[in-house]
Amino acid sequence: MTAVTVTEGRGAAGTPVRGLTVLYDAECALCTHLRGWLARQSQLVPLELVPAGSAEARARFPGLDHAATLDEVTAVGDSGQVYQGSRAWIVVLWALREHRPLAHRLATPAGAKLARGAVLAAAKWRETQARGTQWGGRVYRRADGWSYHPSTGWTYSSPSCSGPACATR
């Protein structure tokens, strides 16, 4: 085990990635499921999967904000490159034999929006699990004032109020 000091401006941006360490939240069911999935994939670039915030992670990457690695997936390249959030997922997919073409598509401006949306959805799911609540279950209804327009998406207009049931307080 070698320690890599992670700092800005190391010149690591132009350095090839020959190995990645993926820091994942070992207390998160989704994260541990994805860890297992990653471990089963054919890898073009070797992946090491290390629990975020662990003693091993702190020893290997002393310059990293370890509290942040528990909030957002982080991948660290063998030359100190640091990827977080959707960029981490893209570089991890790039390391996998069957998913490298997908990583190239997600690295485009349009693909980056999709990757960010997936990461935000996962973060929302994790947040609800941490609170012990369920995600979803709510629907948008016209009677509640919601309407959908293909060009603008969902919009809300307060429903009209007639009768004593809608009296303001």
N, C-alpha and C. Protein backbone atom coordinates (compact mmCIF):
# COMPACT_ATOMS: atom_id res chain seq x y z
N MET A 1 0.86 -1.16 0.00
CA MET A 1 0.00 0.00 0.00
C MET A 1 0.91 1.23 0.00
N THR A 2 0.71 2.09 -1.01
CA THR A 2 1.50 3.31 -1.07
C THR A 2 0.60 4.50 -0.85
N ALA A 3 1.14 5.52 -0.23
CA ALA A 3 0.37 6.73 0.02
C ALA A 3 0.54 7.67 -1.16
N VAL A 4 -0.56 8.24 -1.61
CA VAL A 4 -0.54 9.22 -2.67
C VAL A 4 -1.05 10.52 -2.08
N THR A 5 -0.28 11.57 -2.19
CA THR A 5 -0.71 12.87 -1.70
C THR A 5 -1.53 13.53 -2.79
N VAL A 6 -2.76 13.86 -2.48
CA VAL A 6 -3.66 14.45 -3.45
C VAL A 6 -3.62 15.96 -3.27
N THR A 7 -3.13 16.65 -4.26
CA THR A 7 -3.08 18.10 -4.21
C THR A 7 -3.44 18.67 -5.57
N GLU A 8 -3.93 19.89 -5.56
CA GLU A 8 -4.25 20.58 -6.80
C GLU A 8 -2.96 20.96 -7.50
N GLY A 9 -3.00 21.02 -8.82
CA GLY A 9 -1.88 21.52 -9.59
C GLY A 9 -0.67 20.61 -9.63
N ARG A 10 -0.85 19.31 -9.46
CA ARG A 10 0.28 18.38 -9.50
C ARG A 10 0.72 18.10 -10.92
N GLY A 11 -0.04 18.55 -11.89
CA GLY A 11 0.27 18.21 -13.27
C GLY A 11 -0.22 16.82 -13.61
N ALA A 12 -1.12 16.27 -12.82
CA ALA A 12 -1.61 14.91 -13.03
C ALA A 12 -2.64 14.84 -14.15
N ALA A 13 -3.16 15.98 -14.60
CA ALA A 13 -4.21 15.98 -15.61
C ALA A 13 -3.75 15.32 -16.91
N GLY A 14 -2.50 15.50 -17.30
CA GLY A 14 -2.01 14.91 -18.53
C GLY A 14 -1.37 13.55 -18.35
N THR A 15 -1.41 13.01 -17.17
CA THR A 15 -0.78 11.74 -16.86
C THR A 15 -1.77 10.60 -17.10
N PRO A 16 -1.33 9.54 -17.77
CA PRO A 16 -2.26 8.42 -18.01
C PRO A 16 -2.69 7.75 -16.70
N VAL A 17 -3.93 7.28 -16.70
CA VAL A 17 -4.47 6.56 -15.53
C VAL A 17 -4.22 5.08 -15.75
N ARG A 18 -3.44 4.47 -14.85
CA ARG A 18 -3.14 3.05 -14.95
C ARG A 18 -3.79 2.24 -13.84
N GLY A 19 -4.44 2.94 -12.92
CA GLY A 19 -5.14 2.30 -11.83
C GLY A 19 -6.02 3.32 -11.14
N LEU A 20 -7.13 2.87 -10.59
CA LEU A 20 -8.07 3.75 -9.89
C LEU A 20 -8.43 3.14 -8.55
N THR A 21 -8.51 3.99 -7.55
CA THR A 21 -9.05 3.59 -6.26
C THR A 21 -10.42 4.25 -6.14
N VAL A 22 -11.45 3.45 -5.94
CA VAL A 22 -12.81 3.96 -5.81
C VAL A 22 -13.16 3.94 -4.32
N LEU A 23 -13.48 5.11 -3.79
CA LEU A 23 -13.88 5.24 -2.40
C LEU A 23 -15.40 5.21 -2.36
N TYR A 24 -15.96 4.29 -1.60
CA TYR A 24 -17.41 4.11 -1.54
C TYR A 24 -17.86 4.09 -0.09
N ASP A 25 -19.11 4.43 0.15
CA ASP A 25 -19.67 4.45 1.50
C ASP A 25 -20.07 3.02 1.88
N ALA A 26 -19.33 2.42 2.77
CA ALA A 26 -19.57 1.03 3.18
C ALA A 26 -20.85 0.87 3.99
N GLU A 27 -21.44 1.96 4.45
CA GLU A 27 -22.68 1.91 5.22
C GLU A 27 -23.92 2.06 4.34
N CYS A 28 -23.73 2.29 3.06
CA CYS A 28 -24.82 2.53 2.11
C CYS A 28 -25.10 1.26 1.32
N ALA A 29 -26.34 0.80 1.33
CA ALA A 29 -26.71 -0.42 0.62
C ALA A 29 -26.48 -0.29 -0.88
N LEU A 30 -26.83 0.84 -1.46
CA LEU A 30 -26.62 1.06 -2.89
C LEU A 30 -25.12 1.05 -3.22
N CYS A 31 -24.34 1.72 -2.39
CA CYS A 31 -22.89 1.80 -2.63
C CYS A 31 -22.23 0.43 -2.54
N THR A 32 -22.61 -0.37 -1.56
CA THR A 32 -22.02 -1.70 -1.43
C THR A 32 -22.49 -2.62 -2.55
N HIS A 33 -23.72 -2.43 -3.02
CA HIS A 33 -24.21 -3.20 -4.17
C HIS A 33 -23.36 -2.86 -5.40
N LEU A 34 -23.14 -1.57 -5.64
CA LEU A 34 -22.34 -1.15 -6.79
C LEU A 34 -20.88 -1.59 -6.65
N ARG A 35 -20.38 -1.61 -5.42
CA ARG A 35 -19.03 -2.11 -5.19
C ARG A 35 -18.91 -3.56 -5.65
N GLY A 36 -19.88 -4.37 -5.27
CA GLY A 36 -19.90 -5.77 -5.69
C GLY A 36 -20.00 -5.92 -7.21
N TRP A 37 -20.85 -5.08 -7.82
CA TRP A 37 -21.00 -5.10 -9.26
C TRP A 37 -19.68 -4.74 -9.94
N LEU A 38 -19.02 -3.68 -9.46
CA LEU A 38 -17.73 -3.27 -10.03
C LEU A 38 -16.70 -4.38 -9.91
N ALA A 39 -16.68 -5.06 -8.79
CA ALA A 39 -15.70 -6.12 -8.56
C ALA A 39 -15.88 -7.28 -9.55
N ARG A 40 -17.11 -7.48 -10.03
CA ARG A 40 -17.39 -8.58 -10.96
C ARG A 40 -17.14 -8.21 -12.42
N GLN A 41 -16.90 -6.96 -12.72
CA GLN A 41 -16.74 -6.51 -14.11
C GLN A 41 -15.32 -6.75 -14.61
N SER A 42 -15.22 -6.98 -15.92
CA SER A 42 -13.91 -7.08 -16.57
C SER A 42 -13.32 -5.68 -16.64
N GLN A 43 -12.10 -5.52 -16.13
CA GLN A 43 -11.50 -4.20 -15.99
C GLN A 43 -10.33 -4.02 -16.96
N LEU A 44 -10.37 -2.91 -17.71
CA LEU A 44 -9.24 -2.53 -18.55
C LEU A 44 -8.20 -1.78 -17.72
N VAL A 45 -8.68 -1.07 -16.71
CA VAL A 45 -7.83 -0.36 -15.76
C VAL A 45 -8.18 -0.93 -14.39
N PRO A 46 -7.20 -1.44 -13.63
CA PRO A 46 -7.51 -2.06 -12.34
C PRO A 46 -8.19 -1.08 -11.37
N LEU A 47 -9.23 -1.60 -10.71
CA LEU A 47 -9.95 -0.83 -9.70
C LEU A 47 -9.67 -1.42 -8.33
N GLU A 48 -9.35 -0.57 -7.38
CA GLU A 48 -9.27 -0.96 -5.97
C GLU A 48 -10.47 -0.31 -5.30
N LEU A 49 -11.21 -1.07 -4.54
CA LEU A 49 -12.42 -0.58 -3.89
C LEU A 49 -12.16 -0.46 -2.40
N VAL A 50 -12.18 0.76 -1.89
CA VAL A 50 -11.81 1.04 -0.51
C VAL A 50 -12.93 1.82 0.16
N PRO A 51 -13.34 1.42 1.37
CA PRO A 51 -14.37 2.19 2.08
C PRO A 51 -13.94 3.63 2.32
N ALA A 52 -14.80 4.56 1.97
CA ALA A 52 -14.53 5.99 2.19
C ALA A 52 -14.44 6.26 3.68
N GLY A 53 -13.54 7.13 4.05
CA GLY A 53 -13.38 7.51 5.45
C GLY A 53 -12.70 6.47 6.32
N SER A 54 -12.31 5.35 5.74
CA SER A 54 -11.67 4.28 6.52
C SER A 54 -10.22 4.66 6.84
N ALA A 55 -9.63 3.92 7.75
CA ALA A 55 -8.23 4.15 8.11
C ALA A 55 -7.34 3.96 6.87
N GLU A 56 -7.66 2.98 6.04
CA GLU A 56 -6.88 2.75 4.83
C GLU A 56 -6.98 3.94 3.87
N ALA A 57 -8.19 4.46 3.69
CA ALA A 57 -8.38 5.61 2.80
C ALA A 57 -7.63 6.83 3.33
N ARG A 58 -7.69 7.04 4.63
CA ARG A 58 -6.99 8.20 5.23
C ARG A 58 -5.48 8.06 5.11
N ALA A 59 -4.97 6.85 5.27
CA ALA A 59 -3.53 6.64 5.16
C ALA A 59 -3.05 6.79 3.72
N ARG A 60 -3.83 6.30 2.76
CA ARG A 60 -3.43 6.36 1.36
C ARG A 60 -3.57 7.74 0.76
N PHE A 61 -4.57 8.50 1.23
CA PHE A 61 -4.85 9.82 0.64
C PHE A 61 -4.98 10.87 1.73
N PRO A 62 -3.88 11.23 2.39
CA PRO A 62 -3.95 12.16 3.52
C PRO A 62 -4.42 13.56 3.13
N GLY A 63 -4.26 13.97 1.88
CA GLY A 63 -4.66 15.31 1.46
C GLY A 63 -6.10 15.41 1.00
N LEU A 64 -6.84 14.33 1.06
CA LEU A 64 -8.22 14.30 0.57
C LEU A 64 -9.19 14.70 1.67
N ASP A 65 -10.28 15.37 1.31
CA ASP A 65 -11.35 15.70 2.25
C ASP A 65 -12.19 14.44 2.43
N HIS A 66 -11.92 13.69 3.49
CA HIS A 66 -12.56 12.39 3.66
C HIS A 66 -14.03 12.49 4.04
N ALA A 67 -14.44 13.58 4.65
CA ALA A 67 -15.88 13.77 4.92
C ALA A 67 -16.64 13.90 3.61
N ALA A 68 -16.06 14.59 2.64
CA ALA A 68 -16.70 14.75 1.33
C ALA A 68 -16.80 13.43 0.59
N THR A 69 -15.84 12.53 0.80
CA THR A 69 -15.88 11.25 0.09
C THR A 69 -17.03 10.37 0.57
N LEU A 70 -17.55 10.65 1.76
CA LEU A 70 -18.72 9.91 2.25
C LEU A 70 -20.00 10.45 1.64
N ASP A 71 -19.98 11.70 1.17
CA ASP A 71 -21.16 12.30 0.55
C ASP A 71 -21.23 12.06 -0.94
N GLU A 72 -20.09 11.96 -1.59
CA GLU A 72 -20.07 11.84 -3.04
C GLU A 72 -19.00 10.84 -3.45
N VAL A 73 -19.36 9.95 -4.37
CA VAL A 73 -18.41 8.94 -4.82
C VAL A 73 -17.15 9.63 -5.32
N THR A 74 -16.02 9.05 -4.98
CA THR A 74 -14.72 9.62 -5.34
C THR A 74 -13.83 8.51 -5.89
N ALA A 75 -13.14 8.83 -6.98
CA ALA A 75 -12.15 7.91 -7.55
C ALA A 75 -10.83 8.67 -7.62
N VAL A 76 -9.75 7.99 -7.23
CA VAL A 76 -8.42 8.60 -7.24
C VAL A 76 -7.53 7.78 -8.17
N GLY A 77 -6.94 8.47 -9.15
CA GLY A 77 -6.03 7.82 -10.08
C GLY A 77 -4.69 7.55 -9.44
N ASP A 78 -3.93 6.65 -10.04
CA ASP A 78 -2.64 6.25 -9.49
C ASP A 78 -1.60 7.37 -9.49
N SER A 79 -1.85 8.46 -10.20
CA SER A 79 -0.93 9.61 -10.19
C SER A 79 -1.51 10.79 -9.44
N GLY A 80 -2.58 10.55 -8.66
CA GLY A 80 -3.15 11.60 -7.84
C GLY A 80 -4.34 12.31 -8.44
N GLN A 81 -4.80 11.89 -9.62
CA GLN A 81 -5.98 12.49 -10.21
C GLN A 81 -7.18 12.22 -9.31
N VAL A 82 -8.01 13.23 -9.08
CA VAL A 82 -9.18 13.06 -8.22
C VAL A 82 -10.43 13.36 -9.04
N TYR A 83 -11.37 12.41 -9.01
CA TYR A 83 -12.64 12.55 -9.71
C TYR A 83 -13.74 12.39 -8.67
N GLN A 84 -14.74 13.29 -8.70
CA GLN A 84 -15.84 13.18 -7.75
C GLN A 84 -17.17 13.28 -8.48
N GLY A 85 -18.20 12.70 -7.87
CA GLY A 85 -19.54 12.79 -8.42
C GLY A 85 -19.66 12.11 -9.77
N SER A 86 -20.32 12.78 -10.72
CA SER A 86 -20.56 12.17 -12.03
C SER A 86 -19.25 11.91 -12.77
N ARG A 87 -18.25 12.76 -12.57
CA ARG A 87 -16.95 12.52 -13.22
C ARG A 87 -16.31 11.23 -12.71
N ALA A 88 -16.51 10.95 -11.43
CA ALA A 88 -15.98 9.69 -10.88
C ALA A 88 -16.67 8.50 -11.53
N TRP A 89 -17.99 8.58 -11.69
CA TRP A 89 -18.70 7.47 -12.33
C TRP A 89 -18.26 7.29 -13.77
N ILE A 90 -18.06 8.39 -14.47
CA ILE A 90 -17.63 8.28 -15.87
C ILE A 90 -16.26 7.62 -15.96
N VAL A 91 -15.31 8.03 -15.12
CA VAL A 91 -13.96 7.45 -15.19
C VAL A 91 -13.98 5.98 -14.74
N VAL A 92 -14.85 5.64 -13.81
CA VAL A 92 -14.95 4.23 -13.38
C VAL A 92 -15.53 3.39 -14.52
N LEU A 93 -16.57 3.90 -15.20
CA LEU A 93 -17.11 3.16 -16.35
C LEU A 93 -16.06 3.04 -17.45
N TRP A 94 -15.23 4.08 -17.63
CA TRP A 94 -14.17 4.07 -18.61
C TRP A 94 -13.17 2.95 -18.31
N ALA A 95 -12.99 2.61 -17.05
CA ALA A 95 -12.05 1.56 -16.65
C ALA A 95 -12.58 0.16 -16.94
N LEU A 96 -13.88 0.04 -17.21
CA LEU A 96 -14.50 -1.27 -17.42
C LEU A 96 -14.58 -1.62 -18.91
N ARG A 97 -14.21 -2.85 -19.23
CA ARG A 97 -14.17 -3.30 -20.63
C ARG A 97 -15.51 -3.08 -21.35
N GLU A 98 -16.58 -3.54 -20.81
CA GLU A 98 -17.86 -3.48 -21.51
C GLU A 98 -18.53 -2.11 -21.43
N HIS A 99 -18.05 -1.22 -20.59
CA HIS A 99 -18.73 0.06 -20.39
C HIS A 99 -17.92 1.27 -20.86
N ARG A 100 -16.74 1.02 -21.44
CA ARG A 100 -15.94 2.15 -21.91
C ARG A 100 -16.67 2.96 -23.00
N PRO A 101 -17.35 2.33 -23.96
CA PRO A 101 -18.08 3.14 -24.94
C PRO A 101 -19.15 4.04 -24.28
N LEU A 102 -19.82 3.54 -23.26
CA LEU A 102 -20.79 4.35 -22.54
C LEU A 102 -20.10 5.52 -21.86
N ALA A 103 -18.93 5.29 -21.28
CA ALA A 103 -18.19 6.37 -20.62
C ALA A 103 -17.84 7.47 -21.62
N HIS A 104 -17.48 7.07 -22.83
CA HIS A 104 -17.15 8.07 -23.85
C HIS A 104 -18.39 8.90 -24.21
N ARG A 105 -19.56 8.26 -24.27
CA ARG A 105 -20.80 9.01 -24.54
C ARG A 105 -21.15 9.93 -23.38
N LEU A 106 -20.95 9.46 -22.15
CA LEU A 106 -21.27 10.28 -20.98
C LEU A 106 -20.28 11.44 -20.79
N ALA A 107 -19.12 11.35 -21.42
CA ALA A 107 -18.13 12.42 -21.30
C ALA A 107 -18.44 13.60 -22.22
N THR A 108 -19.44 13.47 -23.10
CA THR A 108 -19.84 14.58 -23.95
C THR A 108 -20.70 15.54 -23.14
N PRO A 109 -20.89 16.78 -23.61
CA PRO A 109 -21.74 17.72 -22.86
C PRO A 109 -23.15 17.19 -22.59
N ALA A 110 -23.76 16.57 -23.59
CA ALA A 110 -25.12 16.02 -23.39
C ALA A 110 -25.08 14.83 -22.43
N GLY A 111 -24.08 13.98 -22.58
CA GLY A 111 -23.96 12.82 -21.71
C GLY A 111 -23.66 13.20 -20.27
N ALA A 112 -22.89 14.27 -20.08
CA ALA A 112 -22.55 14.73 -18.73
C ALA A 112 -23.81 15.12 -17.96
N LYS A 113 -24.80 15.68 -18.66
CA LYS A 113 -26.06 16.04 -17.99
C LYS A 113 -26.77 14.77 -17.52
N LEU A 114 -26.77 13.75 -18.35
CA LEU A 114 -27.39 12.47 -17.97
C LEU A 114 -26.66 11.84 -16.79
N ALA A 115 -25.33 11.86 -16.84
CA ALA A 115 -24.53 11.29 -15.74
C ALA A 115 -24.80 12.04 -14.45
N ARG A 116 -24.86 13.36 -14.52
CA ARG A 116 -25.12 14.17 -13.32
C ARG A 116 -26.51 13.86 -12.77
N GLY A 117 -27.49 13.70 -13.65
CA GLY A 117 -28.84 13.35 -13.21
C GLY A 117 -28.87 12.01 -12.49
N ALA A 118 -28.12 11.04 -13.00
CA ALA A 118 -28.07 9.72 -12.36
C ALA A 118 -27.42 9.82 -10.97
N VAL A 119 -26.37 10.61 -10.87
CA VAL A 119 -25.70 10.78 -9.57
C VAL A 119 -26.62 11.50 -8.59
N LEU A 120 -27.34 12.50 -9.06
CA LEU A 120 -28.28 13.22 -8.18
C LEU A 120 -29.42 12.30 -7.72
N ALA A 121 -29.90 11.46 -8.62
CA ALA A 121 -30.96 10.51 -8.24
C ALA A 121 -30.45 9.53 -7.19
N ALA A 122 -29.23 9.04 -7.36
CA ALA A 122 -28.64 8.14 -6.37
C ALA A 122 -28.47 8.85 -5.03
N ALA A 123 -28.04 10.11 -5.07
CA ALA A 123 -27.86 10.88 -3.83
C ALA A 123 -29.19 11.08 -3.13
N LYS A 124 -30.24 11.35 -3.89
CA LYS A 124 -31.57 11.52 -3.30
C LYS A 124 -32.03 10.21 -2.65
N TRP A 125 -31.79 9.10 -3.32
CA TRP A 125 -32.17 7.80 -2.75
C TRP A 125 -31.40 7.55 -1.46
N ARG A 126 -30.10 7.82 -1.48
CA ARG A 126 -29.27 7.63 -0.28
C ARG A 126 -29.76 8.49 0.87
N GLU A 127 -30.12 9.74 0.56
CA GLU A 127 -30.61 10.67 1.59
C GLU A 127 -31.88 10.14 2.25
N THR A 128 -32.80 9.64 1.44
CA THR A 128 -34.04 9.12 2.02
C THR A 128 -33.79 7.86 2.84
N GLN A 129 -32.83 7.03 2.40
CA GLN A 129 -32.51 5.83 3.17
C GLN A 129 -31.90 6.19 4.51
N ALA A 130 -31.06 7.21 4.53
CA ALA A 130 -30.42 7.64 5.77
C ALA A 130 -31.45 8.17 6.76
N ARG A 131 -32.50 8.80 6.24
CA ARG A 131 -33.57 9.33 7.10
C ARG A 131 -34.60 8.27 7.46
N GLY A 132 -34.53 7.13 6.79
CA GLY A 132 -35.49 6.06 7.06
C GLY A 132 -36.84 6.31 6.42
N THR A 133 -36.87 7.10 5.36
CA THR A 133 -38.12 7.38 4.67
C THR A 133 -38.09 6.73 3.30
N GLN A 134 -39.24 6.68 2.67
CA GLN A 134 -39.31 6.12 1.33
C GLN A 134 -39.18 7.24 0.31
N TRP A 135 -38.57 6.89 -0.82
CA TRP A 135 -38.42 7.85 -1.90
C TRP A 135 -39.61 7.69 -2.83
N GLY A 136 -40.17 8.78 -3.25
CA GLY A 136 -41.25 8.72 -4.23
C GLY A 136 -42.59 8.56 -3.56
N GLY A 137 -43.52 8.00 -4.31
CA GLY A 137 -44.86 7.81 -3.79
C GLY A 137 -45.77 8.99 -4.09
N ARG A 138 -45.19 10.13 -4.44
CA ARG A 138 -45.99 11.30 -4.77
C ARG A 138 -46.17 11.37 -6.27
N VAL A 139 -47.35 11.78 -6.68
CA VAL A 139 -47.61 11.97 -8.10
C VAL A 139 -48.09 13.39 -8.33
N TYR A 140 -47.88 13.87 -9.53
CA TYR A 140 -48.36 15.19 -9.91
C TYR A 140 -49.79 15.04 -10.45
N ARG A 141 -50.73 15.75 -9.85
CA ARG A 141 -52.14 15.64 -10.26
C ARG A 141 -52.65 16.99 -10.73
N ARG A 142 -53.48 16.93 -11.80
CA ARG A 142 -54.09 18.16 -12.30
C ARG A 142 -54.94 18.83 -11.22
N ALA A 143 -55.65 18.03 -10.45
CA ALA A 143 -56.54 18.58 -9.42
C ALA A 143 -55.76 19.35 -8.35
N ASP A 144 -54.48 19.03 -8.18
CA ASP A 144 -53.65 19.73 -7.20
C ASP A 144 -52.99 20.98 -7.77
N GLY A 145 -53.20 21.23 -9.09
CA GLY A 145 -52.64 22.41 -9.71
C GLY A 145 -51.46 22.15 -10.63
N TRP A 146 -51.09 20.90 -10.86
CA TRP A 146 -49.95 20.58 -11.71
C TRP A 146 -50.41 20.36 -13.14
N SER A 147 -49.60 20.78 -14.10
CA SER A 147 -49.86 20.48 -15.50
C SER A 147 -48.53 20.23 -16.20
N TYR A 148 -48.60 19.43 -17.25
CA TYR A 148 -47.38 19.09 -17.99
C TYR A 148 -47.47 19.65 -19.39
N HIS A 149 -46.40 20.32 -19.82
CA HIS A 149 -46.28 20.85 -21.17
C HIS A 149 -44.99 20.29 -21.74
N PRO A 150 -45.06 19.62 -22.92
CA PRO A 150 -43.85 19.01 -23.47
C PRO A 150 -42.66 19.96 -23.62
N SER A 151 -42.91 21.22 -23.90
CA SER A 151 -41.80 22.15 -24.10
C SER A 151 -41.21 22.69 -22.80
N THR A 152 -42.02 22.77 -21.73
CA THR A 152 -41.54 23.36 -20.49
C THR A 152 -41.50 22.41 -19.31
N GLY A 153 -42.13 21.26 -19.44
CA GLY A 153 -42.14 20.30 -18.33
C GLY A 153 -43.30 20.56 -17.37
N TRP A 154 -43.13 20.17 -16.13
CA TRP A 154 -44.18 20.31 -15.13
C TRP A 154 -44.22 21.75 -14.60
N THR A 155 -45.43 22.28 -14.47
CA THR A 155 -45.62 23.60 -13.88
C THR A 155 -46.73 23.52 -12.85
N TYR A 156 -46.71 24.44 -11.91
CA TYR A 156 -47.70 24.44 -10.84
C TYR A 156 -48.43 25.78 -10.84
N SER A 157 -49.75 25.70 -10.79
CA SER A 157 -50.60 26.88 -10.62
C SER A 157 -51.57 26.53 -9.52
N SER A 158 -51.65 27.39 -8.53
CA SER A 158 -52.53 27.12 -7.41
C SER A 158 -53.95 26.91 -7.92
N PRO A 159 -54.62 25.83 -7.49
CA PRO A 159 -55.99 25.59 -7.96
C PRO A 159 -56.92 26.69 -7.48
N SER A 160 -57.96 26.91 -8.29
CA SER A 160 -58.92 27.96 -7.90
C SER A 160 -59.64 27.53 -6.64
N CYS A 161 -59.98 28.50 -5.87
CA CYS A 161 -60.62 28.24 -4.58
C CYS A 161 -62.04 28.80 -4.61
N SER A 162 -62.97 27.92 -4.51
CA SER A 162 -64.35 28.39 -4.40
C SER A 162 -65.01 27.59 -3.29
N GLY A 163 -65.64 28.28 -2.41
CA GLY A 163 -66.32 27.61 -1.31
C GLY A 163 -65.51 27.70 -0.02
N PRO A 164 -66.11 27.28 1.08
CA PRO A 164 -65.47 27.41 2.38
C PRO A 164 -64.29 26.47 2.60
N ALA A 165 -64.16 25.42 1.80
CA ALA A 165 -63.08 24.46 1.99
C ALA A 165 -61.70 25.07 1.72
N CYS A 166 -61.64 26.15 0.93
CA CYS A 166 -60.36 26.76 0.58
C CYS A 166 -60.11 28.06 1.31
N ALA A 167 -60.85 28.36 2.32
CA ALA A 167 -60.70 29.65 3.00
C ALA A 167 -59.28 29.79 3.54
N THR A 168 -58.71 31.00 3.38
CA THR A 168 -57.38 31.24 3.92
C THR A 168 -57.45 31.39 5.42
N ARG A 169 -56.37 31.10 6.07
CA ARG A 169 -56.36 31.14 7.53
C ARG A 169 -55.81 32.43 8.03
